[in-house]
Amino acid sequence: MATETSSAPREHPSVRLRPVSPGAIVGASAGFVLRHARDNDAGAIVALVASVWSEYPGKTLVAAADMPELLTPATAYRHGNGRFWVVEAHDRIIGTIALMPSAEAGVVELQKLYVARDLRRNGLGSFLCYLVEREARERGAHAIELWSDVKLLDAHRRYEQLGYRRGDALKTYDDTSATIRSYYRKELDPDRPAVFDGAAQAAAALARWQTLFHLGAESGAAQGVVKP
């Protein structure tokens, strides 16, 4: 599962963000750690993204040209008023996701959703999307948007399960792979907490990750440890 886009910093001085330190841990249990990215995660993050891209014909990552923000993820996203999270399993980065303010006021952009192949289909991708929605609501955003490579059909199905709707817009990128991306958007109901609208089994998998990292779907905290 993956989504990607370039990340030009966008300043929104009216949004007051709680400060986070690079590497700050959000939750940890059973050998899994959810934390904010550090700049020295760059090598592991680039390796994960390159591995996911290699699953698709014609997809090649040259980070310095295609996604230079990956070379200093903490700094790049801090400067853009964004967030970049990683999930580790026994010191190996197995998942990433990021958020940046959109050019449109009151909207944030979901970026850098990548999950290692052997850790998919257990709710982790949905949980990472939940993190972005949770942060978006804390910022008072009314919508989340994303651009996803037209080749990444599994990711597209997941977004649609999570309530994202595909638009008509396509964007062509002058990157190593001549990427074409589709536009997706999710409107946020301020009276409804971040939830998963898919099948009960998938919703249960998402809840397990929330519990693992002590992040309740509504309260922001949950008790207990459940290993995915």
Protein backbone atom coordinates (compact mmCIF):
# COMPACT_ATOMS: atom_id res chain seq x y z
CA MET A 1 0.00 0.00 0.00
CA ALA A 2 1.35 3.38 -0.91
CA THR A 3 0.60 6.92 -1.77
CA GLU A 4 3.09 9.64 -2.55
CA THR A 5 3.47 13.19 -3.66
CA SER A 6 6.08 15.88 -3.53
CA SER A 7 6.06 18.06 -0.42
CA ALA A 8 6.65 21.74 -0.98
CA PRO A 9 6.45 23.55 2.37
CA ARG A 10 3.21 25.45 2.87
CA GLU A 11 3.01 27.95 5.68
CA HIS A 12 -0.25 28.45 7.57
CA PRO A 13 0.66 30.80 10.42
CA SER A 14 -2.91 30.92 11.75
CA VAL A 15 -2.71 27.24 12.75
CA ARG A 16 -1.14 26.78 16.17
CA LEU A 17 0.50 23.36 16.33
CA ARG A 18 1.62 21.48 19.38
CA PRO A 19 5.41 21.06 19.13
CA VAL A 20 6.81 17.57 18.63
CA SER A 21 10.40 16.43 18.91
CA PRO A 22 11.97 14.31 16.17
CA GLY A 23 11.72 10.68 17.23
CA ALA A 24 9.10 11.39 19.92
CA ILE A 25 7.20 8.19 20.71
CA VAL A 26 3.42 8.26 20.33
CA GLY A 27 2.87 4.70 21.54
CA ALA A 28 4.79 1.44 21.96
CA SER A 29 3.97 -2.14 22.87
CA ALA A 30 4.81 -5.75 21.98
CA GLY A 31 7.89 -4.75 19.96
CA PHE A 32 5.99 -2.16 17.88
CA VAL A 33 6.72 1.57 18.13
CA LEU A 34 4.76 4.46 16.65
CA ARG A 35 6.80 7.66 16.63
CA HIS A 36 7.58 10.86 14.79
CA ALA A 37 10.29 10.60 12.15
CA ARG A 38 13.88 11.69 12.65
CA ASP A 39 16.17 12.95 9.91
CA ASN A 40 18.42 9.94 10.43
CA ASP A 41 15.51 7.67 9.49
CA ALA A 42 16.06 8.75 5.89
CA GLY A 43 17.89 5.63 4.77
CA ALA A 44 15.30 3.24 6.19
CA ILE A 45 12.39 5.30 4.86
CA VAL A 46 13.88 5.53 1.36
CA ALA A 47 14.50 1.76 1.42
CA LEU A 48 10.87 1.09 2.37
CA VAL A 49 9.49 3.40 -0.34
CA ALA A 50 11.86 1.97 -2.96
CA SER A 51 10.82 -1.55 -2.00
CA VAL A 52 7.13 -0.74 -2.40
CA TRP A 53 7.72 1.03 -5.72
CA SER A 54 9.69 -1.95 -7.04
CA GLU A 55 6.51 -4.05 -6.88
CA TYR A 56 5.10 -2.07 -9.81
CA PRO A 57 6.53 -2.16 -13.36
CA GLY A 58 8.28 1.04 -14.31
CA LYS A 59 8.38 2.45 -10.77
CA THR A 60 11.88 3.52 -9.72
CA LEU A 61 12.74 5.81 -6.84
CA VAL A 62 15.65 8.23 -7.00
CA ALA A 63 15.01 10.04 -3.74
CA ALA A 64 17.18 13.09 -4.40
CA ALA A 65 15.25 13.81 -7.60
CA ASP A 66 11.80 12.36 -6.90
CA MET A 67 11.24 12.97 -3.17
CA PRO A 68 14.07 15.05 -1.71
CA GLU A 69 12.00 15.61 1.45
CA LEU A 70 12.68 11.96 2.35
CA LEU A 71 16.36 12.79 2.85
CA THR A 72 15.52 14.97 5.89
CA PRO A 73 11.94 13.95 6.77
CA ALA A 74 11.72 15.56 10.21
CA THR A 75 13.13 18.89 9.04
CA ALA A 76 11.14 19.01 5.79
CA TYR A 77 7.81 18.36 7.47
CA ARG A 78 8.52 20.62 10.41
CA HIS A 79 9.25 23.50 8.04
CA GLY A 80 6.01 22.82 6.19
CA ASN A 81 3.85 22.67 9.36
CA GLY A 82 3.37 18.98 8.72
CA ARG A 83 3.82 15.67 10.48
CA PHE A 84 5.69 12.51 9.52
CA TRP A 85 5.09 9.30 11.46
CA VAL A 86 6.86 5.93 11.27
CA VAL A 87 5.99 2.52 12.69
CA GLU A 88 8.83 0.24 13.75
CA ALA A 89 8.72 -3.49 14.42
CA HIS A 90 11.76 -4.57 16.42
CA ASP A 91 13.80 -1.57 15.15
CA ARG A 92 12.75 -2.01 11.50
CA ILE A 93 10.59 0.68 9.90
CA ILE A 94 7.55 -1.13 8.49
CA GLY A 95 5.19 1.77 7.81
CA THR A 96 5.10 5.51 7.19
CA ILE A 97 2.55 8.24 6.72
CA ALA A 98 2.71 12.02 6.61
CA LEU A 99 0.50 15.09 6.57
CA MET A 100 0.99 18.54 5.11
CA PRO A 101 -1.34 21.55 4.94
CA SER A 102 -2.95 21.85 1.52
CA ALA A 103 -2.87 24.97 -0.58
CA GLU A 104 -6.63 25.11 0.13
CA ALA A 105 -7.48 26.60 3.53
CA GLY A 106 -8.95 24.12 5.99
CA VAL A 107 -7.67 21.10 4.08
CA VAL A 108 -4.71 18.81 4.77
CA GLU A 109 -2.96 16.45 2.40
CA LEU A 110 -2.28 12.81 3.25
CA GLN A 111 1.16 11.78 2.01
CA LYS A 112 3.75 9.02 2.19
CA LEU A 113 1.51 6.07 3.05
CA TYR A 114 3.77 3.02 2.72
CA VAL A 115 3.54 -0.37 4.43
CA ALA A 116 6.06 -3.18 4.11
CA ARG A 117 4.72 -6.06 2.05
CA ASP A 118 4.85 -8.62 4.87
CA LEU A 119 2.88 -6.34 7.23
CA ARG A 120 -0.11 -5.63 4.99
CA ARG A 121 -3.72 -6.75 5.19
CA ASN A 122 -3.87 -6.50 8.97
CA GLY A 123 -5.25 -2.98 9.41
CA LEU A 124 -1.96 -1.09 9.64
CA GLY A 125 -2.62 0.98 6.51
CA SER A 126 -6.06 1.96 7.78
CA PHE A 127 -4.59 2.84 11.16
CA LEU A 128 -2.03 5.14 9.55
CA CYS A 129 -4.80 6.88 7.62
CA TYR A 130 -6.65 7.22 10.93
CA LEU A 131 -3.63 9.06 12.36
CA VAL A 132 -3.88 11.66 9.61
CA GLU A 133 -7.62 12.06 10.11
CA ARG A 134 -7.12 12.43 13.85
CA GLU A 135 -4.51 15.14 13.31
CA ALA A 136 -6.65 16.85 10.67
CA ARG A 137 -9.55 17.11 13.11
CA GLU A 138 -7.26 18.50 15.81
CA ARG A 139 -6.26 21.21 13.33
CA GLY A 140 -9.87 22.02 12.56
CA ALA A 141 -9.61 20.82 8.95
CA HIS A 142 -12.82 20.10 7.05
CA ALA A 143 -11.30 17.78 4.43
CA ILE A 144 -8.34 15.54 3.59
CA GLU A 145 -6.98 15.17 0.07
CA LEU A 146 -4.33 12.99 -1.52
CA TRP A 147 -2.74 12.17 -4.86
CA SER A 148 -2.08 8.48 -5.52
CA ASP A 149 -0.25 6.80 -8.40
CA VAL A 150 -2.75 5.38 -10.89
CA LYS A 151 -0.92 2.03 -10.71
CA LEU A 152 -1.54 1.52 -6.98
CA LEU A 153 -4.96 -0.09 -7.22
CA ASP A 154 -4.83 -1.78 -3.80
CA ALA A 155 -4.26 1.58 -2.16
CA HIS A 156 -7.16 3.09 -4.12
CA ARG A 157 -9.53 0.42 -2.83
CA ARG A 158 -8.43 1.10 0.72
CA TYR A 159 -9.00 4.84 0.38
CA GLU A 160 -12.49 4.23 -0.95
CA GLN A 161 -13.25 1.94 2.00
CA LEU A 162 -12.13 4.74 4.29
CA GLY A 163 -14.54 7.23 2.73
CA TYR A 164 -12.31 8.93 0.15
CA ARG A 165 -13.90 9.79 -3.18
CA ARG A 166 -11.97 9.84 -6.43
CA GLY A 167 -12.07 13.06 -8.41
CA ASP A 168 -11.64 13.59 -12.12
CA ALA A 169 -8.27 15.34 -11.83
CA LEU A 170 -5.03 13.68 -12.88
CA LYS A 171 -1.57 15.07 -12.23
CA THR A 172 1.55 14.19 -14.21
CA TYR A 173 4.92 14.43 -12.45
CA ASP A 174 8.30 15.02 -14.05
CA ASP A 175 9.96 12.34 -11.94
CA THR A 176 12.07 9.29 -12.73
CA SER A 177 8.97 7.13 -13.33
CA ALA A 178 6.86 9.75 -15.19
CA THR A 179 4.22 9.21 -12.53
CA ILE A 180 0.54 9.96 -13.10
CA ARG A 181 -1.58 10.36 -9.96
CA SER A 182 -5.30 10.42 -9.27
CA TYR A 183 -6.96 12.82 -6.86
CA TYR A 184 -8.89 11.62 -3.80
CA ARG A 185 -10.73 13.64 -1.16
CA LYS A 186 -12.60 12.98 2.08
CA GLU A 187 -14.89 15.53 3.69
CA LEU A 188 -14.80 15.44 7.50
CA ASP A 189 -17.96 15.62 9.58
CA PRO A 190 -17.08 17.68 12.69
CA ASP A 191 -19.76 15.87 14.70
CA ARG A 192 -18.48 12.42 13.86
CA PRO A 193 -15.22 10.96 15.23
CA ALA A 194 -12.59 9.39 13.00
CA VAL A 195 -13.99 5.97 12.14
CA PHE A 196 -13.55 3.14 9.68
CA ASP A 197 -16.56 2.57 7.45
CA GLY A 198 -15.54 -0.76 5.95
CA ALA A 199 -16.28 -4.36 6.86
CA ALA A 200 -16.43 -5.42 10.51
CA GLN A 201 -13.27 -7.54 10.20
CA ALA A 202 -11.27 -4.62 8.84
CA ALA A 203 -12.66 -2.29 11.49
CA ALA A 204 -11.60 -4.76 14.19
CA ALA A 205 -8.06 -4.87 12.75
CA LEU A 206 -7.88 -1.08 12.89
CA ALA A 207 -9.08 -1.16 16.51
CA ARG A 208 -6.30 -3.59 17.41
CA TRP A 209 -3.65 -1.12 16.21
CA GLN A 210 -5.35 1.70 18.09
CA THR A 211 -5.29 -0.39 21.25
CA LEU A 212 -1.70 -1.48 20.67
CA PHE A 213 -0.56 2.14 20.65
CA HIS A 214 -3.03 3.24 23.34
CA LEU A 215 -4.95 5.50 20.97
CA GLY A 216 -8.69 5.30 21.51
CA ALA A 217 -10.82 6.08 18.46
CA GLU A 218 -12.65 8.84 20.35
CA SER A 219 -10.93 9.54 23.65
CA GLY A 220 -7.32 9.49 22.46
CA ALA A 221 -6.40 6.79 24.97
CA ALA A 222 -7.19 3.13 25.39
CA GLN A 223 -6.14 0.51 27.91
CA GLY A 224 -4.68 -2.90 27.21
CA VAL A 225 -2.28 -4.42 24.70
CA VAL A 226 -3.29 -6.51 21.71
CA LYS A 227 -0.67 -7.86 19.36
CA PRO A 228 -1.72 -7.57 15.69
